[in-house]
């Protein structure tokens, strides 16, 4: 069983399924597993072969083939119009949900040319759609959300640290079951003095030299191309505090496997009142 659901930025959706009783019948889908890559290497004079430097993945292309299964000629033209409206690439990328017999994955994608219509047989019309995902990684259908908060006997506990940026800290385990590192979005609700969140597994941390008031929330996104550090004030206004980042900070990601994260403040008294919530998606090379 395979099914593809596309939701455009307006929230309109279309389902391509294997059921012969469906309207948009899916016959074939490619591009769910492999992604073309570009291997970067260097070569010295008289060197046999070359030296690997890095590898970059290309955009993921997901072509699908199927047919419109209409009830009448009028219904066929209405379905063609529906497909053109929902796949309108002028709206920008939407969400593509791919479901097989095992599980579901989601990816941001755009229809390269909308639906290309082929031969027509009475009230049926063949079509092809080539979806392009600029970020080639599949993600879990549901984003993982995990909160850290001090509780007596809970899963977080105080840890004395001989560091310059925290005298008390609270930690939790975060498991990345994906194939590659994945970015996080951190919501740190104050109070906190110079709040810091560290990935103890990699030794990286991100610290903001800022006095976070009670009820205000520090939002940090570590995604490539979407990095941001801002304060969501209690009154709903937002303030960019990117320039308050500590110089030793890193926009860290979760490595595959177990990651131990901890948060802290320069004031011990802030710890029990503050809360930290981590948002992330496992990312996969193939689905």
C-alpha atoms as a PDB file:
ATOM      1  CA  UNK A   1       0.000   0.000   0.000  1.00  0.00           C
ATOM      2  CA  UNK A   2       1.246   3.446  -0.925  1.00  0.00           C
ATOM      3  CA  UNK A   3      -0.494   6.791  -0.590  1.00  0.00           C
ATOM      4  CA  UNK A   4       0.571  10.381  -1.193  1.00  0.00           C
ATOM      5  CA  UNK A   5      -1.224  13.346   0.358  1.00  0.00           C
ATOM      6  CA  UNK A   6      -0.290  16.878  -0.662  1.00  0.00           C
ATOM      7  CA  UNK A   7      -1.400  19.895   1.396  1.00  0.00           C
ATOM      8  CA  UNK A   8      -0.765  23.304  -0.164  1.00  0.00           C
ATOM      9  CA  UNK A   9      -0.030  26.508   1.817  1.00  0.00           C
ATOM     10  CA  UNK A  10      -3.757  27.363   1.790  1.00  0.00           C
ATOM     11  CA  UNK A  11      -4.592  24.121   3.571  1.00  0.00           C
ATOM     12  CA  UNK A  12      -6.218  22.507   0.520  1.00  0.00           C
ATOM     13  CA  UNK A  13      -5.303  18.852   0.049  1.00  0.00           C
ATOM     14  CA  UNK A  14      -5.378  16.101  -2.546  1.00  0.00           C
ATOM     15  CA  UNK A  15      -4.910  12.375  -1.943  1.00  0.00           C
ATOM     16  CA  UNK A  16      -3.288  10.027  -4.455  1.00  0.00           C
ATOM     17  CA  UNK A  17      -4.097   6.454  -3.379  1.00  0.00           C
ATOM     18  CA  UNK A  18      -3.981   2.881  -4.672  1.00  0.00           C
ATOM     19  CA  UNK A  19      -7.719   2.309  -4.387  1.00  0.00           C
ATOM     20  CA  UNK A  20      -9.355   1.886  -7.795  1.00  0.00           C
ATOM     21  CA  UNK A  21     -12.466   3.515  -6.345  1.00  0.00           C
ATOM     22  CA  UNK A  22     -10.567   6.702  -5.558  1.00  0.00           C
ATOM     23  CA  UNK A  23     -10.643   9.872  -7.631  1.00  0.00           C
ATOM     24  CA  UNK A  24      -6.884  10.390  -8.019  1.00  0.00           C
ATOM     25  CA  UNK A  25      -5.409   6.907  -8.395  1.00  0.00           C
ATOM     26  CA  UNK A  26      -1.687   6.446  -7.737  1.00  0.00           C
ATOM     27  CA  UNK A  27       0.031   3.976 -10.069  1.00  0.00           C
ATOM     28  CA  UNK A  28       3.721   4.693  -9.502  1.00  0.00           C
ATOM     29  CA  UNK A  29       5.976   6.763  -7.241  1.00  0.00           C
ATOM     30  CA  UNK A  30       9.765   7.179  -7.356  1.00  0.00           C
ATOM     31  CA  UNK A  31      12.346   9.158  -5.407  1.00  0.00           C
ATOM     32  CA  UNK A  32      11.325   8.050  -1.936  1.00  0.00           C
ATOM     33  CA  UNK A  33      14.625   6.312  -1.177  1.00  0.00           C
ATOM     34  CA  UNK A  34      17.700   7.564  -3.003  1.00  0.00           C
ATOM     35  CA  UNK A  35      18.869  11.160  -3.512  1.00  0.00           C
ATOM     36  CA  UNK A  36      21.594  12.165  -6.009  1.00  0.00           C
ATOM     37  CA  UNK A  37      24.740  13.413  -4.299  1.00  0.00           C
ATOM     38  CA  UNK A  38      27.776  15.483  -5.240  1.00  0.00           C
ATOM     39  CA  UNK A  39      31.031  14.201  -3.758  1.00  0.00           C
ATOM     40  CA  UNK A  40      33.611  16.918  -3.129  1.00  0.00           C
ATOM     41  CA  UNK A  41      37.234  15.820  -3.320  1.00  0.00           C
ATOM     42  CA  UNK A  42      40.733  17.162  -3.878  1.00  0.00           C
ATOM     43  CA  UNK A  43      43.578  15.706  -5.897  1.00  0.00           C
ATOM     44  CA  UNK A  44      47.309  16.354  -5.557  1.00  0.00           C
ATOM     45  CA  UNK A  45      49.956  15.870  -8.250  1.00  0.00           C
ATOM     46  CA  UNK A  46      50.914  12.195  -8.641  1.00  0.00           C
ATOM     47  CA  UNK A  47      48.192  11.124  -6.191  1.00  0.00           C
ATOM     48  CA  UNK A  48      46.424   7.864  -6.944  1.00  0.00           C
ATOM     49  CA  UNK A  49      42.723   8.573  -6.739  1.00  0.00           C
ATOM     50  CA  UNK A  50      41.644  11.585  -4.691  1.00  0.00           C
ATOM     51  CA  UNK A  51      40.929  12.718  -1.120  1.00  0.00           C
ATOM     52  CA  UNK A  52      37.351  12.919   0.076  1.00  0.00           C
ATOM     53  CA  UNK A  53      36.351  16.369   1.398  1.00  0.00           C
ATOM     54  CA  UNK A  54      32.573  16.419   1.741  1.00  0.00           C
ATOM     55  CA  UNK A  55      29.308  15.281   0.200  1.00  0.00           C
ATOM     56  CA  UNK A  56      26.246  17.356  -0.672  1.00  0.00           C
ATOM     57  CA  UNK A  57      22.801  15.970  -1.376  1.00  0.00           C
ATOM     58  CA  UNK A  58      20.813  17.346  -4.289  1.00  0.00           C
ATOM     59  CA  UNK A  59      17.149  18.343  -4.149  1.00  0.00           C
ATOM     60  CA  UNK A  60      14.886  15.306  -3.839  1.00  0.00           C
ATOM     61  CA  UNK A  61      12.664  14.679  -6.861  1.00  0.00           C
ATOM     62  CA  UNK A  62       9.500  12.668  -6.241  1.00  0.00           C
ATOM     63  CA  UNK A  63       7.689  11.913  -9.526  1.00  0.00           C
ATOM     64  CA  UNK A  64       4.300  10.230  -9.350  1.00  0.00           C
ATOM     65  CA  UNK A  65       2.095   8.749 -12.063  1.00  0.00           C
ATOM     66  CA  UNK A  66      -1.604   8.014 -11.934  1.00  0.00           C
ATOM     67  CA  UNK A  67      -4.981   8.740 -13.434  1.00  0.00           C
ATOM     68  CA  UNK A  68      -8.110  10.727 -12.659  1.00  0.00           C
ATOM     69  CA  UNK A  69     -11.028   8.359 -12.131  1.00  0.00           C
ATOM     70  CA  UNK A  70     -14.075  10.526 -12.846  1.00  0.00           C
ATOM     71  CA  UNK A  71     -17.769   9.633 -12.879  1.00  0.00           C
ATOM     72  CA  UNK A  72     -18.625  11.695 -15.947  1.00  0.00           C
ATOM     73  CA  UNK A  73     -17.074  14.028 -18.466  1.00  0.00           C
ATOM     74  CA  UNK A  74     -18.170  17.038 -16.432  1.00  0.00           C
ATOM     75  CA  UNK A  75     -16.722  15.477 -13.277  1.00  0.00           C
ATOM     76  CA  UNK A  76     -13.451  14.827 -15.128  1.00  0.00           C
ATOM     77  CA  UNK A  77     -13.006  18.473 -16.050  1.00  0.00           C
ATOM     78  CA  UNK A  78     -13.898  19.562 -12.516  1.00  0.00           C
ATOM     79  CA  UNK A  79     -11.282  17.156 -11.097  1.00  0.00           C
ATOM     80  CA  UNK A  80      -8.665  18.430 -13.533  1.00  0.00           C
ATOM     81  CA  UNK A  81      -9.441  21.960 -12.379  1.00  0.00           C
ATOM     82  CA  UNK A  82      -9.229  20.853  -8.731  1.00  0.00           C
ATOM     83  CA  UNK A  83      -5.821  19.285  -9.313  1.00  0.00           C
ATOM     84  CA  UNK A  84      -4.502  22.420 -11.017  1.00  0.00           C
ATOM     85  CA  UNK A  85      -5.738  24.622  -8.154  1.00  0.00           C
ATOM     86  CA  UNK A  86      -4.306  22.543  -5.327  1.00  0.00           C
ATOM     87  CA  UNK A  87      -0.939  21.943  -7.033  1.00  0.00           C
ATOM     88  CA  UNK A  88      -0.539  25.637  -7.932  1.00  0.00           C
ATOM     89  CA  UNK A  89       3.220  26.140  -7.509  1.00  0.00           C
ATOM     90  CA  UNK A  90       2.848  29.923  -7.281  1.00  0.00           C
ATOM     91  CA  UNK A  91       1.715  29.338  -3.699  1.00  0.00           C
ATOM     92  CA  UNK A  92       5.131  27.945  -2.771  1.00  0.00           C
ATOM     93  CA  UNK A  93       6.041  24.618  -1.149  1.00  0.00           C
ATOM     94  CA  UNK A  94       3.430  22.611   0.694  1.00  0.00           C
ATOM     95  CA  UNK A  95       3.518  19.445   2.802  1.00  0.00           C
ATOM     96  CA  UNK A  96       3.815  16.074   1.084  1.00  0.00           C
ATOM     97  CA  UNK A  97       2.867  13.092   3.232  1.00  0.00           C
ATOM     98  CA  UNK A  98       4.024   9.699   1.963  1.00  0.00           C
ATOM     99  CA  UNK A  99       2.497   6.587   3.518  1.00  0.00           C
ATOM    100  CA  UNK A 100       3.511   2.992   2.815  1.00  0.00           C
ATOM    101  CA  UNK A 101       2.589  -0.309   4.440  1.00  0.00           C
ATOM    102  CA  UNK A 102       5.068   0.348   7.263  1.00  0.00           C
ATOM    103  CA  UNK A 103       4.726   4.014   8.275  1.00  0.00           C
ATOM    104  CA  UNK A 104       4.352   7.643   7.144  1.00  0.00           C
ATOM    105  CA  UNK A 105       6.874  10.384   6.368  1.00  0.00           C
ATOM    106  CA  UNK A 106       6.490  14.072   5.564  1.00  0.00           C
ATOM    107  CA  UNK A 107       8.572  16.467   3.474  1.00  0.00           C
ATOM    108  CA  UNK A 108       8.228  20.049   2.204  1.00  0.00           C
ATOM    109  CA  UNK A 109       7.728  19.923  -1.562  1.00  0.00           C
ATOM    110  CA  UNK A 110       6.443  21.857  -4.553  1.00  0.00           C
ATOM    111  CA  UNK A 111       4.913  20.588  -7.805  1.00  0.00           C
ATOM    112  CA  UNK A 112       7.436  21.538 -10.479  1.00  0.00           C
ATOM    113  CA  UNK A 113       4.883  22.081 -13.278  1.00  0.00           C
ATOM    114  CA  UNK A 114       1.624  21.199 -11.625  1.00  0.00           C
ATOM    115  CA  UNK A 115      -0.083  18.124 -13.067  1.00  0.00           C
ATOM    116  CA  UNK A 116       0.936  17.140 -16.598  1.00  0.00           C
ATOM    117  CA  UNK A 117      -2.058  15.499 -18.256  1.00  0.00           C
ATOM    118  CA  UNK A 118      -1.614  12.548 -20.606  1.00  0.00           C
ATOM    119  CA  UNK A 119      -3.949  10.365 -22.632  1.00  0.00           C
ATOM    120  CA  UNK A 120      -7.647  10.323 -21.876  1.00  0.00           C
ATOM    121  CA  UNK A 121      -9.901   7.268 -21.863  1.00  0.00           C
ATOM    122  CA  UNK A 122     -13.618   8.157 -21.656  1.00  0.00           C
ATOM    123  CA  UNK A 123     -13.846   9.539 -18.070  1.00  0.00           C
ATOM    124  CA  UNK A 124     -10.266   8.728 -17.051  1.00  0.00           C
ATOM    125  CA  UNK A 125      -7.213  10.917 -17.637  1.00  0.00           C
ATOM    126  CA  UNK A 126      -3.570   9.951 -17.085  1.00  0.00           C
ATOM    127  CA  UNK A 127      -1.343  12.435 -15.242  1.00  0.00           C
ATOM    128  CA  UNK A 128       2.192  12.854 -13.926  1.00  0.00           C
ATOM    129  CA  UNK A 129       3.380  15.205 -11.177  1.00  0.00           C
ATOM    130  CA  UNK A 130       7.021  15.861 -10.312  1.00  0.00           C
ATOM    131  CA  UNK A 131       7.387  17.074  -6.735  1.00  0.00           C
ATOM    132  CA  UNK A 132      10.666  18.743  -5.757  1.00  0.00           C
ATOM    133  CA  UNK A 133      11.855  18.909  -2.143  1.00  0.00           C
ATOM    134  CA  UNK A 134      14.655  21.434  -1.679  1.00  0.00           C
ATOM    135  CA  UNK A 135      15.377  19.925   1.745  1.00  0.00           C
ATOM    136  CA  UNK A 136      15.849  16.264   0.761  1.00  0.00           C
ATOM    137  CA  UNK A 137      15.263  14.730   4.205  1.00  0.00           C
ATOM    138  CA  UNK A 138      12.051  12.971   5.136  1.00  0.00           C
ATOM    139  CA  UNK A 139      10.720  13.738   8.615  1.00  0.00           C
ATOM    140  CA  UNK A 140       8.410  12.087  11.099  1.00  0.00           C
ATOM    141  CA  UNK A 141       4.776  12.951  10.501  1.00  0.00           C
ATOM    142  CA  UNK A 142       4.454  14.269  14.062  1.00  0.00           C
ATOM    143  CA  UNK A 143       7.078  16.612  15.507  1.00  0.00           C
ATOM    144  CA  UNK A 144       8.666  15.506  18.781  1.00  0.00           C
ATOM    145  CA  UNK A 145       8.027  17.864  21.698  1.00  0.00           C
ATOM    146  CA  UNK A 146       9.670  17.301  25.077  1.00  0.00           C
ATOM    147  CA  UNK A 147       9.624  19.666  28.033  1.00  0.00           C
ATOM    148  CA  UNK A 148      12.168  20.011  30.820  1.00  0.00           C
ATOM    149  CA  UNK A 149      11.033  21.340  34.170  1.00  0.00           C
ATOM    150  CA  UNK A 150      12.351  20.909  37.691  1.00  0.00           C
ATOM    151  CA  UNK A 151      10.233  18.459  39.662  1.00  0.00           C
ATOM    152  CA  UNK A 152      11.136  16.639  42.879  1.00  0.00           C
ATOM    153  CA  UNK A 153      11.461  13.001  41.879  1.00  0.00           C
ATOM    154  CA  UNK A 154      10.942  13.842  38.203  1.00  0.00           C
ATOM    155  CA  UNK A 155      13.093  12.962  35.240  1.00  0.00           C
ATOM    156  CA  UNK A 156      15.218  16.099  35.550  1.00  0.00           C
ATOM    157  CA  UNK A 157      17.475  16.815  38.456  1.00  0.00           C
ATOM    158  CA  UNK A 158      19.920  19.515  39.602  1.00  0.00           C
ATOM    159  CA  UNK A 159      23.564  19.099  38.667  1.00  0.00           C
ATOM    160  CA  UNK A 160      26.376  21.191  40.126  1.00  0.00           C
ATOM    161  CA  UNK A 161      28.611  22.456  37.346  1.00  0.00           C
ATOM    162  CA  UNK A 162      32.105  23.958  37.633  1.00  0.00           C
ATOM    163  CA  UNK A 163      31.443  26.219  34.656  1.00  0.00           C
ATOM    164  CA  UNK A 164      31.452  29.932  34.267  1.00  0.00           C
ATOM    165  CA  UNK A 165      27.930  30.100  32.849  1.00  0.00           C
ATOM    166  CA  UNK A 166      25.847  28.015  35.281  1.00  0.00           C
ATOM    167  CA  UNK A 167      25.924  27.083  38.904  1.00  0.00           C
ATOM    168  CA  UNK A 168      22.874  24.799  38.714  1.00  0.00           C
ATOM    169  CA  UNK A 169      21.449  22.922  35.759  1.00  0.00           C
ATOM    170  CA  UNK A 170      18.733  20.455  34.739  1.00  0.00           C
ATOM    171  CA  UNK A 171      19.049  17.763  32.093  1.00  0.00           C
ATOM    172  CA  UNK A 172      17.067  15.312  29.998  1.00  0.00           C
ATOM    173  CA  UNK A 173      17.589  12.629  27.353  1.00  0.00           C
ATOM    174  CA  UNK A 174      16.628  13.237  23.733  1.00  0.00           C
ATOM    175  CA  UNK A 175      16.837  10.387  21.231  1.00  0.00           C
ATOM    176  CA  UNK A 176      17.404  11.093  17.531  1.00  0.00           C
ATOM    177  CA  UNK A 177      16.315   7.946  15.670  1.00  0.00           C
ATOM    178  CA  UNK A 178      16.982   9.521  12.278  1.00  0.00           C
ATOM    179  CA  UNK A 179      19.853   8.998   9.845  1.00  0.00           C
ATOM    180  CA  UNK A 180      21.525  12.410  10.231  1.00  0.00           C
ATOM    181  CA  UNK A 181      21.922  15.293  12.682  1.00  0.00           C
ATOM    182  CA  UNK A 182      18.729  17.247  13.199  1.00  0.00           C
ATOM    183  CA  UNK A 183      18.186  20.884  14.266  1.00  0.00           C
ATOM    184  CA  UNK A 184      16.177  21.883  17.318  1.00  0.00           C
ATOM    185  CA  UNK A 185      13.888  24.706  18.303  1.00  0.00           C
ATOM    186  CA  UNK A 186      14.230  25.686  21.953  1.00  0.00           C
ATOM    187  CA  UNK A 187      11.589  27.562  23.952  1.00  0.00           C
ATOM    188  CA  UNK A 188      13.091  28.762  27.238  1.00  0.00           C
ATOM    189  CA  UNK A 189      10.505  30.460  29.472  1.00  0.00           C
ATOM    190  CA  UNK A 190      11.966  32.650  32.193  1.00  0.00           C
ATOM    191  CA  UNK A 191      13.017  33.831  34.618  1.00  0.00           C
ATOM    192  CA  UNK A 192      16.679  33.299  33.737  1.00  0.00           C
ATOM    193  CA  UNK A 193      19.907  35.262  33.916  1.00  0.00           C
ATOM    194  CA  UNK A 194      22.085  34.555  30.887  1.00  0.00           C
ATOM    195  CA  UNK A 195      20.153  31.383  29.951  1.00  0.00           C
ATOM    196  CA  UNK A 196      22.151  28.522  28.445  1.00  0.00           C
ATOM    197  CA  UNK A 197      21.250  25.198  26.833  1.00  0.00           C
ATOM    198  CA  UNK A 198      23.997  22.633  26.261  1.00  0.00           C
ATOM    199  CA  UNK A 199      24.209  19.401  24.312  1.00  0.00           C
ATOM    200  CA  UNK A 200      26.273  17.461  26.817  1.00  0.00           C
ATOM    201  CA  UNK A 201      26.811  14.675  24.267  1.00  0.00           C
ATOM    202  CA  UNK A 202      28.714  16.925  21.837  1.00  0.00           C
ATOM    203  CA  UNK A 203      29.968  19.531  24.315  1.00  0.00           C
ATOM    204  CA  UNK A 204      28.312  22.343  22.349  1.00  0.00           C
ATOM    205  CA  UNK A 205      26.143  24.999  23.941  1.00  0.00           C
ATOM    206  CA  UNK A 206      24.232  28.140  23.100  1.00  0.00           C
ATOM    207  CA  UNK A 207      24.095  30.915  25.671  1.00  0.00           C
ATOM    208  CA  UNK A 208      22.331  34.272  25.508  1.00  0.00           C
ATOM    209  CA  UNK A 209      23.712  37.121  27.619  1.00  0.00           C
ATOM    210  CA  UNK A 210      20.309  38.508  28.508  1.00  0.00           C
ATOM    211  CA  UNK A 211      18.057  38.948  31.545  1.00  0.00           C
ATOM    212  CA  UNK A 212      14.970  36.878  30.769  1.00  0.00           C
ATOM    213  CA  UNK A 213      11.989  38.060  32.793  1.00  0.00           C
ATOM    214  CA  UNK A 214       9.379  35.778  34.288  1.00  0.00           C
ATOM    215  CA  UNK A 215       6.810  34.864  31.634  1.00  0.00           C
ATOM    216  CA  UNK A 216       9.032  35.920  28.730  1.00  0.00           C
ATOM    217  CA  UNK A 217      10.193  33.171  26.355  1.00  0.00           C
ATOM    218  CA  UNK A 218      13.520  32.858  24.572  1.00  0.00           C
ATOM    219  CA  UNK A 219      13.118  31.105  21.195  1.00  0.00           C
ATOM    220  CA  UNK A 220      16.190  29.594  19.512  1.00  0.00           C
ATOM    221  CA  UNK A 221      16.085  27.817  16.142  1.00  0.00           C
ATOM    222  CA  UNK A 222      19.258  26.015  15.018  1.00  0.00           C
ATOM    223  CA  UNK A 223      18.106  25.000  11.504  1.00  0.00           C
ATOM    224  CA  UNK A 224      20.363  25.858   8.559  1.00  0.00           C
ATOM    225  CA  UNK A 225      18.916  28.839   6.697  1.00  0.00           C
ATOM    226  CA  UNK A 226      16.413  29.518   9.474  1.00  0.00           C
ATOM    227  CA  UNK A 227      18.626  30.313  12.485  1.00  0.00           C
ATOM    228  CA  UNK A 228      17.043  32.800  14.841  1.00  0.00           C
ATOM    229  CA  UNK A 229      17.213  33.976  18.447  1.00  0.00           C
ATOM    230  CA  UNK A 230      14.338  36.096  19.708  1.00  0.00           C
ATOM    231  CA  UNK A 231      12.359  36.950  22.810  1.00  0.00           C
ATOM    232  CA  UNK A 232       8.605  36.442  22.906  1.00  0.00           C
ATOM    233  CA  UNK A 233       7.551  38.983  25.514  1.00  0.00           C
ATOM    234  CA  UNK A 234       4.687  38.456  27.922  1.00  0.00           C
ATOM    235  CA  UNK A 235       2.626  41.020  25.980  1.00  0.00           C
ATOM    236  CA  UNK A 236       2.997  39.067  22.702  1.00  0.00           C
ATOM    237  CA  UNK A 237       5.640  41.285  21.086  1.00  0.00           C
ATOM    238  CA  UNK A 238       8.889  39.819  19.743  1.00  0.00           C
ATOM    239  CA  UNK A 239      12.436  41.111  20.024  1.00  0.00           C
ATOM    240  CA  UNK A 240      15.487  39.976  18.048  1.00  0.00           C
ATOM    241  CA  UNK A 241      18.365  39.181  20.442  1.00  0.00           C
ATOM    242  CA  UNK A 242      20.686  37.472  17.973  1.00  0.00           C
ATOM    243  CA  UNK A 243      23.418  39.973  18.860  1.00  0.00           C
ATOM    244  CA  UNK A 244      23.333  38.844  22.520  1.00  0.00           C
ATOM    245  CA  UNK A 245      24.673  35.368  21.711  1.00  0.00           C
ATOM    246  CA  UNK A 246      27.733  34.382  23.740  1.00  0.00           C
ATOM    247  CA  UNK A 247      30.801  34.179  21.489  1.00  0.00           C
ATOM    248  CA  UNK A 248      31.466  30.534  22.347  1.00  0.00           C
ATOM    249  CA  UNK A 249      27.965  29.443  21.357  1.00  0.00           C
ATOM    250  CA  UNK A 250      27.131  26.933  18.617  1.00  0.00           C
ATOM    251  CA  UNK A 251      23.797  26.360  16.897  1.00  0.00           C
ATOM    252  CA  UNK A 252      24.051  22.700  17.813  1.00  0.00           C
ATOM    253  CA  UNK A 253      21.980  19.831  16.479  1.00  0.00           C
ATOM    254  CA  UNK A 254      21.014  16.444  17.870  1.00  0.00           C
ATOM    255  CA  UNK A 255      23.329  13.693  16.650  1.00  0.00           C
ATOM    256  CA  UNK A 256      21.874  10.264  15.749  1.00  0.00           C
ATOM    257  CA  UNK A 257      21.292   8.286  18.931  1.00  0.00           C
ATOM    258  CA  UNK A 258      21.098   9.517  22.509  1.00  0.00           C
ATOM    259  CA  UNK A 259      21.678  13.194  23.312  1.00  0.00           C
ATOM    260  CA  UNK A 260      21.780  14.631  26.829  1.00  0.00           C
ATOM    261  CA  UNK A 261      20.635  18.253  26.989  1.00  0.00           C
ATOM    262  CA  UNK A 262      20.824  20.474  30.034  1.00  0.00           C
ATOM    263  CA  UNK A 263      19.816  24.030  30.730  1.00  0.00           C
ATOM    264  CA  UNK A 264      20.893  26.549  33.307  1.00  0.00           C
ATOM    265  CA  UNK A 265      21.012  30.129  34.520  1.00  0.00           C
ATOM    266  CA  UNK A 266      23.554  32.186  36.409  1.00  0.00           C
ATOM    267  CA  UNK A 267      21.032  32.351  39.291  1.00  0.00           C
ATOM    268  CA  UNK A 268      20.121  29.174  41.172  1.00  0.00           C
ATOM    269  CA  UNK A 269      16.773  30.684  42.140  1.00  0.00           C
ATOM    270  CA  UNK A 270      15.681  30.786  38.478  1.00  0.00           C
ATOM    271  CA  UNK A 271      15.845  27.021  37.965  1.00  0.00           C
ATOM    272  CA  UNK A 272      12.594  25.806  39.493  1.00  0.00           C
ATOM    273  CA  UNK A 273      10.503  28.575  37.919  1.00  0.00           C
ATOM    274  CA  UNK A 274      11.941  28.277  34.405  1.00  0.00           C
ATOM    275  CA  UNK A 275      10.815  25.716  31.813  1.00  0.00           C
ATOM    276  CA  UNK A 276      12.507  24.576  28.617  1.00  0.00           C
ATOM    277  CA  UNK A 277      10.724  22.843  25.738  1.00  0.00           C
ATOM    278  CA  UNK A 278      12.593  21.206  22.850  1.00  0.00           C
ATOM    279  CA  UNK A 279      11.023  20.687  19.403  1.00  0.00           C
ATOM    280  CA  UNK A 280      12.674  18.505  16.753  1.00  0.00           C
ATOM    281  CA  UNK A 281      12.070  16.072  13.897  1.00  0.00           C
ATOM    282  CA  UNK A 282      13.943  12.875  13.147  1.00  0.00           C
ATOM    283  CA  UNK A 283      15.303  13.139   9.583  1.00  0.00           C
ATOM    284  CA  UNK A 284      15.669  10.228   7.178  1.00  0.00           C
ATOM    285  CA  UNK A 285      17.488   9.659   3.898  1.00  0.00           C
ATOM    286  CA  UNK A 286      14.773   7.369   2.567  1.00  0.00           C
ATOM    287  CA  UNK A 287      11.227   6.390   3.290  1.00  0.00           C
END
